[in-house]
Amino acid sequence: MLSSTVSTFCGASIAHRRPLHARRLRMARCHVAHAIAKLAPPVDAIDDDERAHMTRRSTLFAGAAASVLTNVAPAHAGPVEAGGAAPDFTLSGTDGNVTLSEALKSNEFVVLYFYNQDGSPGCSIEAQRFEAAIPQFTAKKARVIGVSMDSLEKHNEFCSDKGLKSFTLLSDNDGTVSEAYGADLKIPIFGRFSDRQTFLIKKDGTVAAHWLERDSSMASVKTTAHVDQILAAIDAA
């Protein structure tokens, strides 16, 4: 009963609010549904009276899950867009503290990319694409910096596991910097994350380009497409 309700919920569509990229919304929907399903008692522990109420309880569980996902808070319309000023900040990173304005003094560009979580498949591939392209970015005097809300300890583990040696990951533990860039994402039950977005920032601190996964302006991070997109924007800036 409940399992079939969960399965249906995982595959069903909910009111379309475009709060997340479609793929990530489907993943979140399934995670929430299965998490809520765990709150139900095992079938072999249910007596006849309890079983008689399974349909009603299944409906309540599904309704609760739908409520959670309907209230997913998207990364809001960014306060930082192309042509605007990039907020300065200082965060701890895998190479020590980094201040954006200081990083710009020694580079023509900073590629500031926000991502969801260390170790997730998509974020791992994205980081490895940047790692492989560091020589190209360096040749264009562009420094790549990644930001998520993971701890510095998690960042170091991530770098070690994925062979990330050539660029810095910063820990935005309290989400302040992600929020300042409009790159924060709040999901009930699961918490708060950085939204996948990339900012190309020029030496004078203005944003030359801005890409978001959720509105499809960002090319795929699973191939070299997004890296190529950034390199092309540097050439055009």
C-alpha atoms as a PDB file:
ATOM      1  CA  MET A   1       0.000   0.000   0.000  1.00  0.00           C
ATOM      2  CA  LEU A   2       2.457   2.565   1.212  1.00  0.00           C
ATOM      3  CA  SER A   3       5.212   1.359  -1.093  1.00  0.00           C
ATOM      4  CA  SER A   4       2.944   1.669  -4.108  1.00  0.00           C
ATOM      5  CA  THR A   5       1.963   5.149  -3.011  1.00  0.00           C
ATOM      6  CA  VAL A   6       5.633   6.107  -2.685  1.00  0.00           C
ATOM      7  CA  SER A   7       6.417   4.680  -6.115  1.00  0.00           C
ATOM      8  CA  THR A   8       3.541   6.586  -7.641  1.00  0.00           C
ATOM      9  CA  PHE A   9       4.650   9.759  -5.915  1.00  0.00           C
ATOM     10  CA  CYS A  10       8.212   9.387  -7.175  1.00  0.00           C
ATOM     11  CA  GLY A  11       6.983   9.217 -10.728  1.00  0.00           C
ATOM     12  CA  ALA A  12       4.179  11.745 -10.468  1.00  0.00           C
ATOM     13  CA  SER A  13       4.422  15.368 -11.449  1.00  0.00           C
ATOM     14  CA  ILE A  14       3.644  18.100  -8.966  1.00  0.00           C
ATOM     15  CA  ALA A  15       2.577  21.703  -9.530  1.00  0.00           C
ATOM     16  CA  HIS A  16       5.220  23.176 -11.792  1.00  0.00           C
ATOM     17  CA  ARG A  17       7.001  26.007 -10.026  1.00  0.00           C
ATOM     18  CA  ARG A  18      10.439  25.540 -11.655  1.00  0.00           C
ATOM     19  CA  PRO A  19      12.115  25.620  -8.222  1.00  0.00           C
ATOM     20  CA  LEU A  20      14.869  23.256  -9.371  1.00  0.00           C
ATOM     21  CA  HIS A  21      16.323  21.849 -12.515  1.00  0.00           C
ATOM     22  CA  ALA A  22      13.957  19.001 -13.535  1.00  0.00           C
ATOM     23  CA  ARG A  23      16.494  16.251 -12.894  1.00  0.00           C
ATOM     24  CA  ARG A  24      17.321  17.485  -9.401  1.00  0.00           C
ATOM     25  CA  LEU A  25      13.642  17.950  -8.581  1.00  0.00           C
ATOM     26  CA  ARG A  26      12.941  14.327  -9.497  1.00  0.00           C
ATOM     27  CA  MET A  27      15.824  13.210  -7.281  1.00  0.00           C
ATOM     28  CA  ALA A  28      14.606  15.337  -4.379  1.00  0.00           C
ATOM     29  CA  ARG A  29      11.059  14.027  -4.815  1.00  0.00           C
ATOM     30  CA  CYS A  30      12.182  10.407  -4.558  1.00  0.00           C
ATOM     31  CA  HIS A  31      14.490  11.051  -1.595  1.00  0.00           C
ATOM     32  CA  VAL A  32      11.702  12.758   0.330  1.00  0.00           C
ATOM     33  CA  ALA A  33       9.153  10.092  -0.507  1.00  0.00           C
ATOM     34  CA  HIS A  34      11.403   7.276   0.650  1.00  0.00           C
ATOM     35  CA  ALA A  35      12.425   9.165   3.779  1.00  0.00           C
ATOM     36  CA  ILE A  36       8.781   9.613   4.712  1.00  0.00           C
ATOM     37  CA  ALA A  37       8.039   5.985   3.898  1.00  0.00           C
ATOM     38  CA  LYS A  38      10.542   4.935   6.566  1.00  0.00           C
ATOM     39  CA  LEU A  39       8.298   6.519   9.159  1.00  0.00           C
ATOM     40  CA  ALA A  40       5.675   3.844   8.535  1.00  0.00           C
ATOM     41  CA  PRO A  41       5.768   0.570  10.521  1.00  0.00           C
ATOM     42  CA  PRO A  42       6.930  -2.614   8.760  1.00  0.00           C
ATOM     43  CA  VAL A  43       4.156  -4.668   7.170  1.00  0.00           C
ATOM     44  CA  ASP A  44       4.752  -7.732   9.380  1.00  0.00           C
ATOM     45  CA  ALA A  45       4.270  -5.574  12.472  1.00  0.00           C
ATOM     46  CA  ILE A  46       0.808  -4.414  11.406  1.00  0.00           C
ATOM     47  CA  ASP A  47      -2.308  -6.140  12.797  1.00  0.00           C
ATOM     48  CA  ASP A  48      -5.608  -6.447  10.966  1.00  0.00           C
ATOM     49  CA  ASP A  49      -7.048  -3.236  12.376  1.00  0.00           C
ATOM     50  CA  GLU A  50      -3.946  -1.304  11.428  1.00  0.00           C
ATOM     51  CA  ARG A  51      -3.923  -2.814   7.952  1.00  0.00           C
ATOM     52  CA  ALA A  52      -7.477  -1.630   7.451  1.00  0.00           C
ATOM     53  CA  HIS A  53      -6.205   1.944   7.815  1.00  0.00           C
ATOM     54  CA  MET A  54      -3.241   1.596   5.463  1.00  0.00           C
ATOM     55  CA  THR A  55      -4.941   3.321   2.555  1.00  0.00           C
ATOM     56  CA  ARG A  56      -5.706   6.368   4.662  1.00  0.00           C
ATOM     57  CA  ARG A  57      -2.208   6.474   6.156  1.00  0.00           C
ATOM     58  CA  SER A  58      -0.590   6.040   2.751  1.00  0.00           C
ATOM     59  CA  THR A  59      -2.544   9.013   1.507  1.00  0.00           C
ATOM     60  CA  LEU A  60      -1.380  11.075   4.484  1.00  0.00           C
ATOM     61  CA  PHE A  61       2.277  10.126   3.896  1.00  0.00           C
ATOM     62  CA  ALA A  62       2.043  11.021   0.223  1.00  0.00           C
ATOM     63  CA  GLY A  63       0.322  14.263   1.085  1.00  0.00           C
ATOM     64  CA  ALA A  64       3.074  15.174   3.527  1.00  0.00           C
ATOM     65  CA  ALA A  65       5.736  14.488   0.911  1.00  0.00           C
ATOM     66  CA  ALA A  66       3.905  16.576  -1.655  1.00  0.00           C
ATOM     67  CA  SER A  67       3.677  19.421   0.842  1.00  0.00           C
ATOM     68  CA  VAL A  68       7.426  19.293   1.467  1.00  0.00           C
ATOM     69  CA  LEU A  69       8.304  19.416  -2.205  1.00  0.00           C
ATOM     70  CA  THR A  70       5.774  22.098  -3.036  1.00  0.00           C
ATOM     71  CA  ASN A  71       7.568  24.275  -0.502  1.00  0.00           C
ATOM     72  CA  VAL A  72      11.089  23.761  -1.815  1.00  0.00           C
ATOM     73  CA  ALA A  73      12.633  27.206  -1.726  1.00  0.00           C
ATOM     74  CA  PRO A  74      14.501  27.900  -4.965  1.00  0.00           C
ATOM     75  CA  ALA A  75      17.652  29.853  -5.367  1.00  0.00           C
ATOM     76  CA  HIS A  76      15.966  33.229  -5.760  1.00  0.00           C
ATOM     77  CA  ALA A  77      16.372  35.566  -8.690  1.00  0.00           C
ATOM     78  CA  GLY A  78      19.985  36.474  -8.280  1.00  0.00           C
ATOM     79  CA  PRO A  79      20.991  39.880  -6.932  1.00  0.00           C
ATOM     80  CA  VAL A  80      24.194  39.430  -8.940  1.00  0.00           C
ATOM     81  CA  GLU A  81      23.817  39.419 -12.709  1.00  0.00           C
ATOM     82  CA  ALA A  82      26.007  40.120 -15.733  1.00  0.00           C
ATOM     83  CA  GLY A  83      27.088  43.738 -15.697  1.00  0.00           C
ATOM     84  CA  GLY A  84      26.675  44.048 -11.938  1.00  0.00           C
ATOM     85  CA  ALA A  85      29.246  44.123  -9.157  1.00  0.00           C
ATOM     86  CA  ALA A  86      30.372  40.870  -7.590  1.00  0.00           C
ATOM     87  CA  PRO A  87      30.118  41.021  -3.775  1.00  0.00           C
ATOM     88  CA  ASP A  88      33.511  40.804  -2.124  1.00  0.00           C
ATOM     89  CA  PHE A  89      34.048  38.119   0.501  1.00  0.00           C
ATOM     90  CA  THR A  90      36.625  36.153   2.442  1.00  0.00           C
ATOM     91  CA  LEU A  91      36.238  32.416   3.026  1.00  0.00           C
ATOM     92  CA  SER A  92      38.440  29.581   4.272  1.00  0.00           C
ATOM     93  CA  GLY A  93      39.580  27.227   1.569  1.00  0.00           C
ATOM     94  CA  THR A  94      41.743  24.283   0.682  1.00  0.00           C
ATOM     95  CA  ASP A  95      44.623  26.702   0.023  1.00  0.00           C
ATOM     96  CA  GLY A  96      43.985  28.956   3.009  1.00  0.00           C
ATOM     97  CA  ASN A  97      41.756  32.014   3.256  1.00  0.00           C
ATOM     98  CA  VAL A  98      40.719  33.598  -0.029  1.00  0.00           C
ATOM     99  CA  THR A  99      39.402  37.134  -0.538  1.00  0.00           C
ATOM    100  CA  LEU A 100      37.798  37.753  -3.913  1.00  0.00           C
ATOM    101  CA  SER A 101      39.216  41.266  -4.371  1.00  0.00           C
ATOM    102  CA  GLU A 102      42.714  39.986  -3.612  1.00  0.00           C
ATOM    103  CA  ALA A 103      42.343  37.102  -6.063  1.00  0.00           C
ATOM    104  CA  LEU A 104      41.363  39.586  -8.770  1.00  0.00           C
ATOM    105  CA  LYS A 105      44.512  41.655  -8.217  1.00  0.00           C
ATOM    106  CA  SER A 106      46.687  38.842  -9.533  1.00  0.00           C
ATOM    107  CA  ASN A 107      44.307  37.587 -12.238  1.00  0.00           C
ATOM    108  CA  GLU A 108      42.335  39.041 -15.108  1.00  0.00           C
ATOM    109  CA  PHE A 109      39.321  36.880 -14.243  1.00  0.00           C
ATOM    110  CA  VAL A 110      37.931  34.727 -11.466  1.00  0.00           C
ATOM    111  CA  VAL A 111      35.657  31.839 -12.371  1.00  0.00           C
ATOM    112  CA  LEU A 112      33.508  31.512  -9.251  1.00  0.00           C
ATOM    113  CA  TYR A 113      31.365  28.411  -9.357  1.00  0.00           C
ATOM    114  CA  PHE A 114      28.845  27.299  -6.755  1.00  0.00           C
ATOM    115  CA  TYR A 115      27.937  23.630  -6.494  1.00  0.00           C
ATOM    116  CA  ASN A 116      25.653  21.473  -4.361  1.00  0.00           C
ATOM    117  CA  GLN A 117      27.749  19.016  -2.403  1.00  0.00           C
ATOM    118  CA  ASP A 118      31.147  17.348  -2.209  1.00  0.00           C
ATOM    119  CA  GLY A 119      31.157  13.795  -3.505  1.00  0.00           C
ATOM    120  CA  SER A 120      27.871  13.807  -5.407  1.00  0.00           C
ATOM    121  CA  PRO A 121      28.192  12.385  -8.942  1.00  0.00           C
ATOM    122  CA  GLY A 122      27.375  15.574 -10.838  1.00  0.00           C
ATOM    123  CA  CYS A 123      29.524  17.795  -8.633  1.00  0.00           C
ATOM    124  CA  SER A 124      32.426  15.355  -8.856  1.00  0.00           C
ATOM    125  CA  ILE A 125      32.341  15.362 -12.654  1.00  0.00           C
ATOM    126  CA  GLU A 126      32.029  19.143 -12.729  1.00  0.00           C
ATOM    127  CA  ALA A 127      35.074  19.568 -10.480  1.00  0.00           C
ATOM    128  CA  GLN A 128      37.111  17.135 -12.542  1.00  0.00           C
ATOM    129  CA  ARG A 129      36.224  19.016 -15.736  1.00  0.00           C
ATOM    130  CA  PHE A 130      37.559  22.200 -14.154  1.00  0.00           C
ATOM    131  CA  GLU A 131      40.672  20.383 -12.940  1.00  0.00           C
ATOM    132  CA  ALA A 132      41.434  19.112 -16.443  1.00  0.00           C
ATOM    133  CA  ALA A 133      40.987  22.594 -17.907  1.00  0.00           C
ATOM    134  CA  ILE A 134      43.145  24.521 -15.404  1.00  0.00           C
ATOM    135  CA  PRO A 135      46.021  24.950 -17.933  1.00  0.00           C
ATOM    136  CA  GLN A 136      43.576  26.636 -20.327  1.00  0.00           C
ATOM    137  CA  PHE A 137      42.223  28.921 -17.619  1.00  0.00           C
ATOM    138  CA  THR A 138      45.734  29.760 -16.426  1.00  0.00           C
ATOM    139  CA  ALA A 139      46.778  30.695 -19.954  1.00  0.00           C
ATOM    140  CA  LYS A 140      43.908  33.199 -19.986  1.00  0.00           C
ATOM    141  CA  LYS A 141      44.869  34.527 -16.534  1.00  0.00           C
ATOM    142  CA  ALA A 142      41.680  33.179 -14.981  1.00  0.00           C
ATOM    143  CA  ARG A 143      41.548  31.616 -11.531  1.00  0.00           C
ATOM    144  CA  VAL A 144      38.936  28.930 -10.818  1.00  0.00           C
ATOM    145  CA  ILE A 145      37.348  28.909  -7.346  1.00  0.00           C
ATOM    146  CA  GLY A 146      34.631  26.509  -6.209  1.00  0.00           C
ATOM    147  CA  VAL A 147      32.181  27.208  -3.371  1.00  0.00           C
ATOM    148  CA  SER A 148      29.767  24.985  -1.464  1.00  0.00           C
ATOM    149  CA  MET A 149      28.400  24.827   2.077  1.00  0.00           C
ATOM    150  CA  ASP A 150      30.467  21.758   2.912  1.00  0.00           C
ATOM    151  CA  SER A 151      33.036  21.960   5.700  1.00  0.00           C
ATOM    152  CA  LEU A 152      36.716  22.466   4.975  1.00  0.00           C
ATOM    153  CA  GLU A 153      37.324  18.905   6.150  1.00  0.00           C
ATOM    154  CA  LYS A 154      34.843  17.615   3.559  1.00  0.00           C
ATOM    155  CA  HIS A 155      36.507  19.737   0.888  1.00  0.00           C
ATOM    156  CA  ASN A 156      39.907  18.238   1.664  1.00  0.00           C
ATOM    157  CA  GLU A 157      38.483  14.704   1.503  1.00  0.00           C
ATOM    158  CA  PHE A 158      36.764  15.551  -1.788  1.00  0.00           C
ATOM    159  CA  CYS A 159      39.976  16.903  -3.301  1.00  0.00           C
ATOM    160  CA  SER A 160      41.907  13.844  -2.192  1.00  0.00           C
ATOM    161  CA  ASP A 161      39.287  11.388  -3.471  1.00  0.00           C
ATOM    162  CA  LYS A 162      38.803  13.084  -6.839  1.00  0.00           C
ATOM    163  CA  GLY A 163      42.354  14.203  -7.566  1.00  0.00           C
ATOM    164  CA  LEU A 164      41.629  17.917  -7.355  1.00  0.00           C
ATOM    165  CA  LYS A 165      45.007  19.627  -6.967  1.00  0.00           C
ATOM    166  CA  SER A 166      44.990  22.718  -9.140  1.00  0.00           C
ATOM    167  CA  PHE A 167      42.240  25.002  -7.852  1.00  0.00           C
ATOM    168  CA  THR A 168      40.695  26.109  -4.571  1.00  0.00           C
ATOM    169  CA  LEU A 169      37.454  25.027  -2.924  1.00  0.00           C
ATOM    170  CA  LEU A 170      35.973  27.420  -0.364  1.00  0.00           C
ATOM    171  CA  SER A 171      33.749  26.546   2.586  1.00  0.00           C
ATOM    172  CA  ASP A 172      30.643  28.724   2.829  1.00  0.00           C
ATOM    173  CA  ASN A 173      29.485  26.994   6.013  1.00  0.00           C
ATOM    174  CA  ASP A 174      26.736  29.422   6.944  1.00  0.00           C
ATOM    175  CA  GLY A 175      25.609  30.077   3.362  1.00  0.00           C
ATOM    176  CA  THR A 176      26.233  33.827   3.575  1.00  0.00           C
ATOM    177  CA  VAL A 177      28.226  34.094   0.349  1.00  0.00           C
ATOM    178  CA  SER A 178      25.911  31.758  -1.562  1.00  0.00           C
ATOM    179  CA  GLU A 179      22.968  33.903  -0.490  1.00  0.00           C
ATOM    180  CA  ALA A 180      24.739  37.120  -1.464  1.00  0.00           C
ATOM    181  CA  TYR A 181      25.126  35.742  -4.988  1.00  0.00           C
ATOM    182  CA  GLY A 182      21.586  34.349  -5.181  1.00  0.00           C
ATOM    183  CA  ALA A 183      23.066  30.867  -5.228  1.00  0.00           C
ATOM    184  CA  ASP A 184      21.499  29.344  -2.116  1.00  0.00           C
ATOM    185  CA  LEU A 185      18.942  26.554  -2.182  1.00  0.00           C
ATOM    186  CA  LYS A 186      16.715  25.481   0.710  1.00  0.00           C
ATOM    187  CA  ILE A 187      15.042  22.062   0.695  1.00  0.00           C
ATOM    188  CA  PRO A 188      12.845  21.085   3.695  1.00  0.00           C
ATOM    189  CA  ILE A 189      14.138  18.002   5.563  1.00  0.00           C
ATOM    190  CA  PHE A 190      17.404  17.977   3.598  1.00  0.00           C
ATOM    191  CA  GLY A 191      18.541  21.483   4.498  1.00  0.00           C
ATOM    192  CA  ARG A 192      20.408  24.211   2.679  1.00  0.00           C
ATOM    193  CA  PHE A 193      22.821  23.901  -0.238  1.00  0.00           C
ATOM    194  CA  SER A 194      24.625  26.060  -2.764  1.00  0.00           C
ATOM    195  CA  ASP A 195      22.832  26.135  -6.105  1.00  0.00           C
ATOM    196  CA  ARG A 196      24.775  25.188  -9.210  1.00  0.00           C
ATOM    197  CA  GLN A 197      25.724  28.517 -10.777  1.00  0.00           C
ATOM    198  CA  THR A 198      28.878  29.992 -12.305  1.00  0.00           C
ATOM    199  CA  PHE A 199      29.999  33.620 -12.347  1.00  0.00           C
ATOM    200  CA  LEU A 200      32.754  34.957 -14.582  1.00  0.00           C
ATOM    201  CA  ILE A 201      34.165  37.986 -12.763  1.00  0.00           C
ATOM    202  CA  LYS A 202      36.470  40.526 -14.403  1.00  0.00           C
ATOM    203  CA  LYS A 203      39.464  42.190 -12.811  1.00  0.00           C
ATOM    204  CA  ASP A 204      37.452  45.316 -11.980  1.00  0.00           C
ATOM    205  CA  GLY A 205      34.957  43.227  -9.983  1.00  0.00           C
ATOM    206  CA  THR A 206      32.112  43.292 -12.476  1.00  0.00           C
ATOM    207  CA  VAL A 207      30.343  40.127 -13.590  1.00  0.00           C
ATOM    208  CA  ALA A 208      31.059  39.401 -17.246  1.00  0.00           C
ATOM    209  CA  ALA A 209      28.762  36.370 -17.447  1.00  0.00           C
ATOM    210  CA  HIS A 210      26.445  34.292 -15.258  1.00  0.00           C
ATOM    211  CA  TRP A 211      25.155  30.782 -15.886  1.00  0.00           C
ATOM    212  CA  LEU A 212      22.524  28.785 -13.974  1.00  0.00           C
ATOM    213  CA  GLU A 213      21.724  25.108 -14.295  1.00  0.00           C
ATOM    214  CA  ARG A 214      18.090  25.608 -13.358  1.00  0.00           C
ATOM    215  CA  ASP A 215      17.275  27.927 -16.276  1.00  0.00           C
ATOM    216  CA  SER A 216      19.363  25.898 -18.767  1.00  0.00           C
ATOM    217  CA  SER A 217      21.724  28.786 -19.528  1.00  0.00           C
ATOM    218  CA  MET A 218      24.525  26.574 -18.194  1.00  0.00           C
ATOM    219  CA  ALA A 219      25.835  23.995 -20.640  1.00  0.00           C
ATOM    220  CA  SER A 220      26.262  20.432 -19.398  1.00  0.00           C
ATOM    221  CA  VAL A 221      28.822  19.909 -16.635  1.00  0.00           C
ATOM    222  CA  LYS A 222      29.009  16.205 -17.505  1.00  0.00           C
ATOM    223  CA  THR A 223      30.963  16.981 -20.646  1.00  0.00           C
ATOM    224  CA  THR A 224      33.440  19.770 -21.397  1.00  0.00           C
ATOM    225  CA  ALA A 225      30.560  21.950 -22.636  1.00  0.00           C
ATOM    226  CA  HIS A 226      30.339  24.239 -19.598  1.00  0.00           C
ATOM    227  CA  VAL A 227      34.107  24.685 -19.388  1.00  0.00           C
ATOM    228  CA  ASP A 228      34.160  25.513 -23.112  1.00  0.00           C
ATOM    229  CA  GLN A 229      31.320  27.973 -22.520  1.00  0.00           C
ATOM    230  CA  ILE A 230      33.327  29.818 -19.880  1.00  0.00           C
ATOM    231  CA  LEU A 231      36.516  29.865 -21.938  1.00  0.00           C
ATOM    232  CA  ALA A 232      34.576  31.329 -24.871  1.00  0.00           C
ATOM    233  CA  ALA A 233      33.122  34.026 -22.606  1.00  0.00           C
ATOM    234  CA  ILE A 234      36.614  34.947 -21.397  1.00  0.00           C
ATOM    235  CA  ASP A 235      37.720  35.392 -25.007  1.00  0.00           C
ATOM    236  CA  ALA A 236      34.686  37.565 -25.687  1.00  0.00           C
ATOM    237  CA  ALA A 237      35.021  39.736 -22.557  1.00  0.00           C
END
